[in-house]
Structure formats: structure tokens, C-alpha cells
Amino acid sequence: MPTDGLETTPLIDIPYADKWVHMALFFVLLQLWLLPTYLRSNAFEKKTGWMALLLAVLYGITIEIVQGNFTANRSADPWDVLADTAGAILGLLLLPWVVRRFILPQSQGSSAPENGR
């Protein structure tokens, strides 16, 4: 549905909200891509991590190229690529912590510490 003539007012004005969304989405993308491999081997495979990071960055660049060249109402934004890349890097670096903090305690059932650590 076209929204060209509609005025939009955000409920909450968050500076650079679209960049934060880009970072969050690419963080989750990297986590979901690498999680099965990480859980299977119970370790971080550097080659797989670098490959996933490269693919995520190329995916972000491709999206911006498509937006800039093949859509009428969108434009390419290099800052989106930077936010995508930052989110992907964070997803890669924080994967071991996310697994220890959120996934392993749930899989251990009642043997997980009660204080959440």
C-alpha cells in the first residue's frame, strides 16, 4: 500500500532508530546462522564465523544496491551497510556469551543456577 501522501509521526523519537534496527536484525541474522554449528561442535569455528560475517556484509550491500537501483521510493544508504556490518560483527563476537547466558541454562533444566548466571 503506497504511503507517499501520508504524514507519519513516530510514537517515540529515537535518534537513528533505523540504524539500531539494522544492527539488531543483522545481529540476530548472524546468531541464527551460526547457532546450529556452534551447538553441534560446542565451539566457535573461525572459518565458519568469518564466512557468515562475509555473507552478511555482502547481503547488506546487495540490499542497498537493489534499493538504490531497482526501487522507485527507496534509496541506497551506506550508513545502513555500516549498521548491518556492526550488527553482524556483534552477532559473531557475542555468540558464545548468548549461548552460555540464554541457551545452555534452558537446556540443563532444573540444574541451572537460580541466580541466572
Protein backbone atom coordinates (compact mmCIF):
# COMPACT_ATOMS: atom_id res chain seq x y z
CA MET A 1 0.00 0.00 0.00
CA PRO A 2 1.61 3.29 -1.05
CA THR A 3 2.16 5.80 1.75
CA ASP A 4 3.53 8.71 -0.27
CA GLY A 5 0.89 11.24 0.79
CA LEU A 6 0.56 10.14 4.41
CA GLU A 7 2.17 12.05 7.23
CA THR A 8 3.86 9.83 9.78
CA THR A 9 4.63 10.76 13.35
CA PRO A 10 6.64 8.28 15.40
CA LEU A 11 5.28 7.33 18.82
CA ILE A 12 8.76 7.55 20.31
CA ASP A 13 11.52 9.61 18.75
CA ILE A 14 14.69 7.53 18.98
CA PRO A 15 17.73 9.04 17.26
CA TYR A 16 18.96 6.84 14.42
CA ALA A 17 16.22 4.29 15.12
CA ASP A 18 16.52 2.78 11.65
CA LYS A 19 20.24 2.15 12.19
CA TRP A 20 19.58 0.44 15.52
CA VAL A 21 17.02 -1.77 13.76
CA HIS A 22 19.56 -2.65 11.07
CA MET A 23 22.10 -3.57 13.75
CA ALA A 24 19.60 -5.69 15.66
CA LEU A 25 18.42 -7.55 12.58
CA PHE A 26 21.94 -8.39 11.43
CA PHE A 27 22.91 -9.37 14.98
CA VAL A 28 20.05 -11.87 15.00
CA LEU A 29 20.86 -12.99 11.45
CA LEU A 30 24.43 -13.92 12.41
CA GLN A 31 23.32 -15.59 15.62
CA LEU A 32 20.78 -17.75 13.79
CA TRP A 33 23.21 -18.65 11.02
CA LEU A 34 25.95 -19.72 13.43
CA LEU A 35 23.95 -21.18 16.31
CA PRO A 36 23.45 -24.70 14.86
CA THR A 37 27.16 -25.05 14.06
CA TYR A 38 28.19 -23.68 17.44
CA LEU A 39 25.88 -26.03 19.34
CA ARG A 40 26.88 -29.07 17.28
CA SER A 41 30.61 -28.60 17.82
CA ASN A 42 30.32 -26.85 21.21
CA ALA A 43 32.96 -24.42 20.00
CA PHE A 44 33.38 -21.50 17.69
CA GLU A 45 34.70 -22.41 14.25
CA LYS A 46 36.59 -19.35 12.98
CA LYS A 47 36.30 -20.23 9.30
CA THR A 48 32.52 -20.63 9.56
CA GLY A 49 32.24 -17.40 11.54
CA TRP A 50 34.25 -15.39 9.03
CA MET A 51 32.25 -16.87 6.14
CA ALA A 52 28.94 -15.99 7.81
CA LEU A 53 30.19 -12.47 8.51
CA LEU A 54 31.31 -12.02 4.90
CA LEU A 55 27.96 -13.30 3.59
CA ALA A 56 26.04 -10.97 5.92
CA VAL A 57 28.05 -7.94 4.79
CA LEU A 58 27.58 -8.87 1.13
CA TYR A 59 23.86 -9.36 1.78
CA GLY A 60 23.62 -5.88 3.34
CA ILE A 61 25.48 -4.32 0.40
CA THR A 62 23.25 -6.16 -2.08
CA ILE A 63 20.10 -4.92 -0.35
CA GLU A 64 21.31 -1.32 -0.57
CA ILE A 65 22.26 -1.69 -4.25
CA VAL A 66 18.82 -3.12 -5.04
CA GLN A 67 17.11 -0.32 -3.10
CA GLY A 68 19.15 2.33 -4.86
CA ASN A 69 18.82 0.99 -8.40
CA PHE A 70 15.63 -1.04 -8.67
CA THR A 71 13.03 0.70 -6.49
CA ALA A 72 11.25 3.99 -7.06
CA ASN A 73 10.63 5.08 -3.46
CA ARG A 74 13.82 3.87 -1.76
CA SER A 75 17.43 4.95 -1.84
CA ALA A 76 20.73 3.32 -1.02
CA ASP A 77 22.28 4.36 2.26
CA PRO A 78 25.91 3.48 3.02
CA TRP A 79 25.20 4.11 6.71
CA ASP A 80 22.75 1.19 6.58
CA VAL A 81 25.58 -1.04 5.34
CA LEU A 82 27.74 0.18 8.23
CA ALA A 83 24.96 -0.57 10.73
CA ASP A 84 24.40 -4.00 9.14
CA THR A 85 28.11 -4.75 9.41
CA ALA A 86 28.28 -3.59 13.03
CA GLY A 87 25.32 -5.79 13.95
CA ALA A 88 26.85 -8.78 12.18
CA ILE A 89 30.19 -8.28 13.95
CA LEU A 90 28.44 -8.04 17.32
CA GLY A 91 26.45 -11.17 16.50
CA LEU A 92 29.67 -13.01 15.73
CA LEU A 93 31.56 -11.79 18.78
CA LEU A 94 28.72 -12.27 21.28
CA LEU A 95 27.59 -15.73 20.12
CA PRO A 96 29.46 -17.64 22.88
CA TRP A 97 28.01 -15.33 25.55
CA VAL A 98 24.46 -15.63 24.16
CA VAL A 99 24.72 -19.42 24.15
CA ARG A 100 26.04 -19.57 27.73
CA ARG A 101 23.58 -16.99 29.04
CA PHE A 102 20.33 -17.89 27.29
CA ILE A 103 20.52 -21.31 25.63
CA LEU A 104 22.59 -23.63 27.82
CA PRO A 105 20.78 -22.81 31.10
CA GLN A 106 17.45 -23.69 29.45
CA SER A 107 18.77 -26.99 28.08
CA GLN A 108 20.05 -28.01 31.52
CA GLY A 109 16.59 -27.74 33.06
CA SER A 110 16.50 -27.60 36.84
CA SER A 111 20.27 -27.93 37.20
CA ALA A 112 20.76 -24.33 36.01
CA PRO A 113 21.77 -21.84 38.70
CA GLU A 114 18.86 -19.95 40.21
CA ASN A 115 20.57 -16.57 40.14
CA GLY A 116 20.59 -16.54 36.32
CA ARG A 117 24.36 -16.84 35.85
